[in-house]
Protein backbone atom coordinates (compact mmCIF):
# COMPACT_ATOMS: atom_id res chain seq x y z
CA MET A 1 114.17 93.82 50.69
CA LYS A 2 112.81 90.26 50.68
CA ASN A 3 110.25 89.34 53.37
CA TYR A 4 110.25 92.88 54.71
CA ARG A 5 107.48 95.34 55.54
CA SER A 6 108.08 99.03 56.21
CA PRO A 7 106.99 100.41 59.61
CA ASN A 8 103.36 101.34 60.15
CA THR A 9 103.14 104.87 61.60
CA LYS A 10 99.47 104.38 62.52
CA ILE A 11 100.22 102.03 65.44
CA TRP A 12 102.19 104.74 67.27
CA THR A 13 99.43 106.59 69.12
CA GLY A 14 98.72 107.77 72.65
CA ARG A 15 98.62 110.89 74.81
CA THR A 16 100.23 113.91 73.23
CA SER A 17 102.57 116.50 74.68
CA GLU A 18 104.95 119.18 73.51
CA GLU A 19 107.99 117.62 75.21
CA GLN A 20 108.04 114.05 73.89
CA LEU A 21 106.78 112.74 77.20
CA TYR A 22 105.64 109.50 75.58
CA LEU A 23 107.51 106.99 73.46
CA HIS A 24 105.12 107.20 70.51
CA GLU A 25 106.26 110.83 70.20
CA LYS A 26 109.92 109.85 70.46
CA VAL A 27 109.96 106.97 67.99
CA ARG A 28 110.95 107.51 64.39
CA CYS A 29 109.64 105.14 61.73
CA ILE A 30 112.34 104.36 59.18
CA SER A 31 113.06 101.57 56.74
CA LEU A 32 116.05 99.36 57.51
CA GLU A 33 117.95 100.51 54.45
CA GLU A 34 117.69 104.15 55.57
CA ILE A 35 119.18 103.59 59.04
CA ARG A 36 122.60 105.15 59.40
CA GLU A 37 125.32 104.78 62.00
CA THR A 38 125.05 107.50 64.66
CA PRO A 39 127.53 108.80 67.27
CA LYS A 40 125.41 107.26 70.03
CA LYS A 41 123.92 103.80 69.60
CA SER A 42 120.27 103.83 68.51
CA ILE A 43 117.64 101.37 69.69
CA VAL A 44 115.84 99.69 66.82
CA LEU A 45 112.57 97.78 67.20
CA LEU A 46 112.14 95.12 64.53
CA GLY A 47 109.11 92.87 64.25
CA TYR A 48 109.16 89.19 63.30
CA ALA A 49 105.60 88.77 62.07
CA CYS A 50 105.61 85.01 61.65
CA ASP A 51 103.86 82.18 63.48
CA GLU A 52 104.45 79.46 60.90
CA GLY A 53 106.90 77.81 63.30
CA VAL A 54 104.23 77.72 66.01
CA ARG A 55 101.78 76.10 63.59
CA ARG A 56 104.36 73.47 62.62
CA ASN A 57 104.95 72.78 66.33
CA SER A 58 101.22 72.16 66.92
CA GLY A 59 100.85 75.41 68.85
CA ARG A 60 98.15 78.07 68.72
CA PRO A 61 98.64 80.44 65.75
CA GLY A 62 98.18 84.18 66.23
CA ALA A 63 101.69 85.38 67.12
CA GLU A 64 102.02 86.86 63.63
CA LYS A 65 100.19 89.90 65.05
CA GLY A 66 102.47 90.08 68.08
CA PRO A 67 104.93 92.75 66.87
CA GLU A 68 102.37 95.44 66.07
CA THR A 69 100.51 94.78 69.34
CA ILE A 70 103.70 95.13 71.40
CA LYS A 71 104.73 98.28 69.56
CA GLY A 72 101.29 99.80 70.14
CA SER A 73 101.50 99.13 73.87
CA PHE A 74 105.13 100.28 74.11
CA GLY A 75 104.34 103.61 72.43
CA LYS A 76 101.96 104.60 75.21
CA LEU A 77 104.65 104.34 77.90
CA PRO A 78 106.53 107.40 79.21
CA ASN A 79 109.75 108.46 77.55
CA HIS A 80 112.80 108.89 79.79
CA LEU A 81 115.38 108.34 77.06
CA PRO A 82 118.14 110.93 76.62
CA ASN A 83 117.44 113.45 73.88
CA ASP A 84 120.42 112.24 71.87
CA THR A 85 119.31 108.60 71.89
CA PHE A 86 117.39 107.59 68.78
CA LEU A 87 114.44 105.20 69.09
CA LEU A 88 113.58 103.67 65.73
CA ASP A 89 110.83 101.42 64.41
CA GLY A 90 112.54 99.50 61.63
CA GLY A 91 109.42 97.71 60.40
CA ASP A 92 108.82 93.96 60.28
CA ILE A 93 110.17 90.76 58.85
CA ILE A 94 107.16 88.89 57.46
CA CYS A 95 106.38 85.33 56.38
CA LYS A 96 105.08 84.63 52.89
CA ASN A 97 103.51 81.38 51.69
CA LYS A 98 104.43 79.59 54.96
CA ASP A 99 108.12 79.92 54.04
CA MET A 100 109.50 80.33 57.55
CA GLU A 101 113.06 79.64 56.44
CA SER A 102 113.05 82.70 54.18
CA SER A 103 111.79 84.78 57.11
CA GLN A 104 114.64 83.50 59.29
CA GLU A 105 117.14 84.32 56.57
CA ALA A 106 115.68 87.81 56.16
CA LEU A 107 115.87 88.35 59.92
CA ALA A 108 119.50 87.23 59.98
CA ASN A 109 120.36 89.71 57.23
CA ALA A 110 118.52 92.51 59.03
CA ILE A 111 120.29 91.83 62.33
CA THR A 112 123.69 91.77 60.65
CA LEU A 113 122.89 95.07 58.94
CA LEU A 114 121.80 96.73 62.19
CA LEU A 115 124.83 95.55 64.15
CA GLN A 116 127.15 96.71 61.39
CA LYS A 117 125.56 100.15 61.77
CA LYS A 118 126.21 100.09 65.54
CA GLN A 119 122.54 99.75 66.45
CA PHE A 120 120.98 97.82 69.36
CA PRO A 121 118.22 95.56 67.95
CA ILE A 122 115.18 94.49 69.94
CA VAL A 123 113.21 91.94 67.92
CA LEU A 124 109.53 91.39 68.64
CA GLY A 125 107.78 88.14 67.78
CA GLY A 126 106.29 86.12 66.51
CA GLY A 127 107.28 82.49 67.10
CA HIS A 128 110.46 81.51 68.91
CA ASP A 129 111.78 80.14 65.62
CA MET A 130 113.03 83.70 65.18
CA ALA A 131 115.86 82.81 67.58
CA TYR A 132 117.60 80.81 64.86
CA GLY A 133 117.56 83.71 62.40
CA HIS A 134 118.45 86.22 65.11
CA TYR A 135 121.48 84.20 66.23
CA GLN A 136 122.66 83.75 62.64
CA GLY A 137 122.58 87.51 62.16
CA ILE A 138 124.60 88.10 65.32
CA LYS A 139 127.09 85.40 64.37
CA ASN A 140 127.57 86.78 60.88
CA HIS A 141 128.41 90.18 62.32
CA VAL A 142 130.61 88.99 65.19
CA HIS A 143 132.59 86.55 63.06
CA SER A 144 133.09 89.13 60.32
CA GLU A 145 135.03 91.17 62.89
CA ASN A 146 136.72 88.33 64.79
CA LYS A 147 135.85 84.70 64.16
CA GLY A 148 137.24 83.65 67.52
CA ARG A 149 134.74 85.67 69.56
CA SER A 150 132.02 83.67 71.30
CA ILE A 151 128.28 84.28 71.65
CA GLY A 152 126.36 83.14 74.70
CA ILE A 153 122.58 82.68 74.58
CA ILE A 154 120.49 83.37 77.68
CA ASN A 155 116.94 82.17 77.23
CA PHE A 156 114.17 82.99 79.72
CA ASP A 157 111.77 80.19 78.93
CA ALA A 158 109.73 77.28 80.23
CA HIS A 159 110.97 75.19 77.29
CA PHE A 160 114.42 74.17 76.08
CA ASP A 161 113.33 74.47 72.41
CA LEU A 162 115.88 71.74 71.65
CA ARG A 163 113.62 69.49 69.62
CA LYS A 164 115.56 67.55 67.03
CA MET A 165 114.92 68.33 63.41
CA ILE A 166 112.50 65.96 61.72
CA GLY A 167 112.06 67.52 58.31
CA GLU A 168 111.33 71.22 58.74
CA GLY A 169 112.30 73.41 61.66
CA ASN A 170 109.68 74.95 63.93
CA SER A 171 109.32 77.07 67.06
CA GLY A 172 110.62 74.18 69.16
CA THR A 173 113.87 73.53 67.24
CA PRO A 174 115.87 76.81 67.07
CA PHE A 175 118.46 76.10 69.74
CA TYR A 176 119.02 72.54 68.54
CA GLN A 177 119.66 73.99 65.08
CA ILE A 178 122.13 76.46 66.57
CA ALA A 179 123.81 73.62 68.50
CA MET A 180 124.20 71.58 65.31
CA ASP A 181 125.70 74.59 63.52
CA CYS A 182 128.16 75.04 66.39
CA LYS A 183 129.11 71.37 66.14
CA ALA A 184 129.68 71.68 62.38
CA GLU A 185 131.82 74.79 62.94
CA ASN A 186 133.70 73.21 65.86
CA THR A 187 132.64 75.95 68.27
CA LYS A 188 131.17 75.58 71.76
CA PHE A 189 127.42 75.82 72.13
CA GLU A 190 126.96 78.37 74.94
CA TYR A 191 123.35 78.19 76.11
CA LEU A 192 121.77 79.06 79.48
CA CYS A 193 118.03 78.45 80.05
CA LEU A 194 116.28 80.09 82.99
CA GLY A 195 112.87 78.88 84.16
CA ILE A 196 112.75 75.38 82.64
CA ARG A 197 109.67 73.38 83.69
CA LYS A 198 109.68 69.62 84.07
CA ASP A 199 106.00 69.55 83.13
CA ALA A 200 106.78 71.32 79.82
CA ASN A 201 109.74 69.24 78.55
CA ASP A 202 109.83 65.49 78.00
CA ARG A 203 112.75 63.32 79.11
CA VAL A 204 114.22 63.24 75.60
CA LEU A 205 114.61 67.02 75.76
CA PHE A 206 116.33 66.78 79.14
CA GLN A 207 118.63 64.11 77.70
CA THR A 208 119.39 66.33 74.70
CA ALA A 209 120.17 69.22 77.06
CA LYS A 210 122.57 66.96 78.95
CA GLU A 211 124.29 65.76 75.77
CA LEU A 212 124.72 69.35 74.57
CA GLU A 213 126.00 70.47 78.01
CA VAL A 214 123.25 73.05 78.34
CA ASN A 215 123.19 75.10 81.55
CA TYR A 216 119.71 75.52 82.99
CA VAL A 217 117.76 76.53 86.09
CA LEU A 218 114.48 74.80 86.81
CA SER A 219 111.35 76.84 87.48
CA ASP A 220 111.11 75.79 91.13
CA THR A 221 114.58 77.31 91.67
CA PHE A 222 114.13 80.32 89.39
CA GLN A 223 112.51 82.35 92.16
CA MET A 224 113.40 85.39 94.26
CA PRO A 225 114.59 83.46 97.36
CA TYR A 226 117.38 81.97 95.21
CA LEU A 227 118.25 85.23 93.44
CA ASN A 228 121.81 85.52 94.75
CA GLU A 229 122.70 82.01 93.63
CA ILE A 230 121.13 82.57 90.22
CA MET A 231 123.05 85.82 89.76
CA THR A 232 126.25 83.91 90.50
CA TRP A 233 125.40 81.37 87.79
CA ILE A 234 124.55 84.13 85.31
CA ASP A 235 127.81 85.95 86.08
CA ALA A 236 129.81 82.76 85.59
CA PHE A 237 128.12 82.12 82.25
CA ILE A 238 128.70 85.67 81.03
CA GLN A 239 132.37 85.61 82.00
CA ASN A 240 132.96 82.69 79.62
CA VAL A 241 131.62 84.46 76.51
CA ASP A 242 132.40 87.62 74.57
CA HIS A 243 128.84 88.61 73.64
CA VAL A 244 125.42 87.84 75.09
CA TYR A 245 122.19 87.39 73.14
CA VAL A 246 119.08 87.45 75.35
CA THR A 247 115.82 85.91 74.26
CA ILE A 248 112.65 86.08 76.36
CA ASP A 249 109.81 83.69 75.61
CA LEU A 250 106.63 85.17 77.05
CA ASP A 251 105.18 81.70 77.62
CA GLY A 252 107.79 81.24 80.36
CA PHE A 253 105.86 83.70 82.54
CA SER A 254 102.91 82.55 84.58
CA SER A 255 99.66 83.01 82.68
CA ALA A 256 98.67 85.36 85.51
CA TYR A 257 101.07 87.80 83.84
CA ALA A 258 101.10 86.52 80.25
CA PRO A 259 97.86 84.86 79.09
CA GLY A 260 98.42 85.98 75.49
CA VAL A 261 100.90 83.34 74.35
CA SER A 262 100.84 80.21 72.24
CA ALA A 263 101.41 77.84 75.19
CA ALA A 264 100.11 79.43 78.39
CA SER A 265 100.56 77.93 81.87
CA PRO A 266 99.95 79.19 85.42
CA MET A 267 103.20 77.54 86.55
CA GLY A 268 105.63 80.08 85.08
CA PHE A 269 107.99 82.67 86.55
CA THR A 270 107.39 86.30 87.53
CA PRO A 271 108.35 89.54 85.73
CA HIS A 272 110.39 90.81 88.69
CA MET A 273 112.63 87.74 88.53
CA VAL A 274 113.43 88.45 84.89
CA LEU A 275 114.00 92.15 85.51
CA GLU A 276 116.54 91.43 88.24
CA CYS A 277 118.43 89.07 85.93
CA LEU A 278 118.35 91.59 83.09
CA LYS A 279 120.04 94.17 85.31
CA THR A 280 123.00 91.84 85.81
CA ILE A 281 123.19 90.98 82.12
CA ILE A 282 123.04 94.60 80.95
CA ASN A 283 125.57 95.74 83.55
CA SER A 284 128.05 93.22 82.13
CA GLY A 285 128.36 95.38 79.01
CA LYS A 286 128.20 92.26 76.82
CA LEU A 287 124.56 92.36 75.71
CA ILE A 288 124.61 92.68 71.92
CA SER A 289 120.95 92.08 71.01
CA MET A 290 117.69 90.72 72.41
CA ASP A 291 114.23 89.57 71.44
CA ILE A 292 110.82 88.80 72.93
CA ALA A 293 108.98 85.80 71.50
CA GLU A 294 105.53 84.23 71.37
CA MET A 295 103.30 87.28 71.86
CA ASN A 296 99.86 86.07 70.76
CA PRO A 297 97.28 88.89 70.98
CA LYS A 298 94.49 86.50 69.97
CA TYR A 299 94.53 85.05 73.50
CA ASP A 300 95.54 88.14 75.49
CA ILE A 301 93.32 89.49 78.27
CA ASP A 302 93.02 93.26 78.66
CA GLY A 303 96.35 93.66 76.89
CA GLN A 304 98.24 92.19 79.88
CA THR A 305 100.83 90.29 77.86
CA ALA A 306 101.45 93.17 75.48
CA LYS A 307 101.91 95.49 78.47
CA LEU A 308 104.35 93.03 80.04
CA ALA A 309 106.39 92.85 76.84
CA ALA A 310 106.30 96.63 76.52
CA SER A 311 107.50 97.12 80.09
CA LEU A 312 110.38 94.68 79.56
CA ILE A 313 111.44 96.59 76.45
CA HIS A 314 111.06 99.89 78.33
CA HIS A 315 113.47 98.63 81.01
CA VAL A 316 116.03 97.30 78.55
CA ALA A 317 115.91 100.32 76.22
CA HIS A 318 116.43 102.80 79.06
CA SER A 319 119.15 100.68 80.65
CA VAL A 320 121.03 100.27 77.38
CA ALA A 321 120.75 104.01 76.78
CA GLY A 322 122.40 104.56 80.17
CA ASN A 323 119.46 106.24 81.82
């Protein structure tokens, strides 16, 4: 498979037991082509080992190593998954010769394959440019079954990532690219951003968001005192779509929680805010796939960011599994 790397069993280490008490004991490393449809939906971790988009966007490279770092941290967490729920490491999509577009295409193909096999993908990045490939994979699957079904994107992020294309795409353009595809296909661009910072987006980006009718919540409102109102907005957004794709950019969190990202800031949101929102999204029954972007271990401190990402995955995996 092009731009693909088989899973590395050596990263799955930790305390040992005889009862699969830890996730590194539960996980099964398997190539994408070997994954089969199972009676109960499996959870598949797939890395996007590419930071070419970050480099093109003048960010700090290093997120290429994000997937393996997150997996290593996740494996050390306790396992509360039902015995009949499979947890799979499906390997990584990689970037060769700075060809980010081929990586996005490979990711799209992998996501389509996993959804066709009734799996729940959790993609680990890597730059946020993976969102374009991830969405394409979801769209290919959804439209192969029913072209009229809609996909809503919920992005936890400090940035809109709606930069207009000037030549090549990058980590700041994925949702603009999706919007332009929707326009070409005469479908509505359904996009909700939670945690947008005015000090992280210029006025052109706000104007672009307005023109594209993007729904968003600013960072000074995306806080626990306003939780009920935010849940109402999330519910309203979800009701208008058939499927939900969630993407979490780790640089949206305050650097107190996530120093290991390409664009860190102390002015971000808190993990508990995101967890509360995820509960509502998962309970809707419409979540089809998710990813976590911009993990940059080069700048992490004491593994804090990797642990945050791992805990978010732990919550989602166990919630999706119904436990």
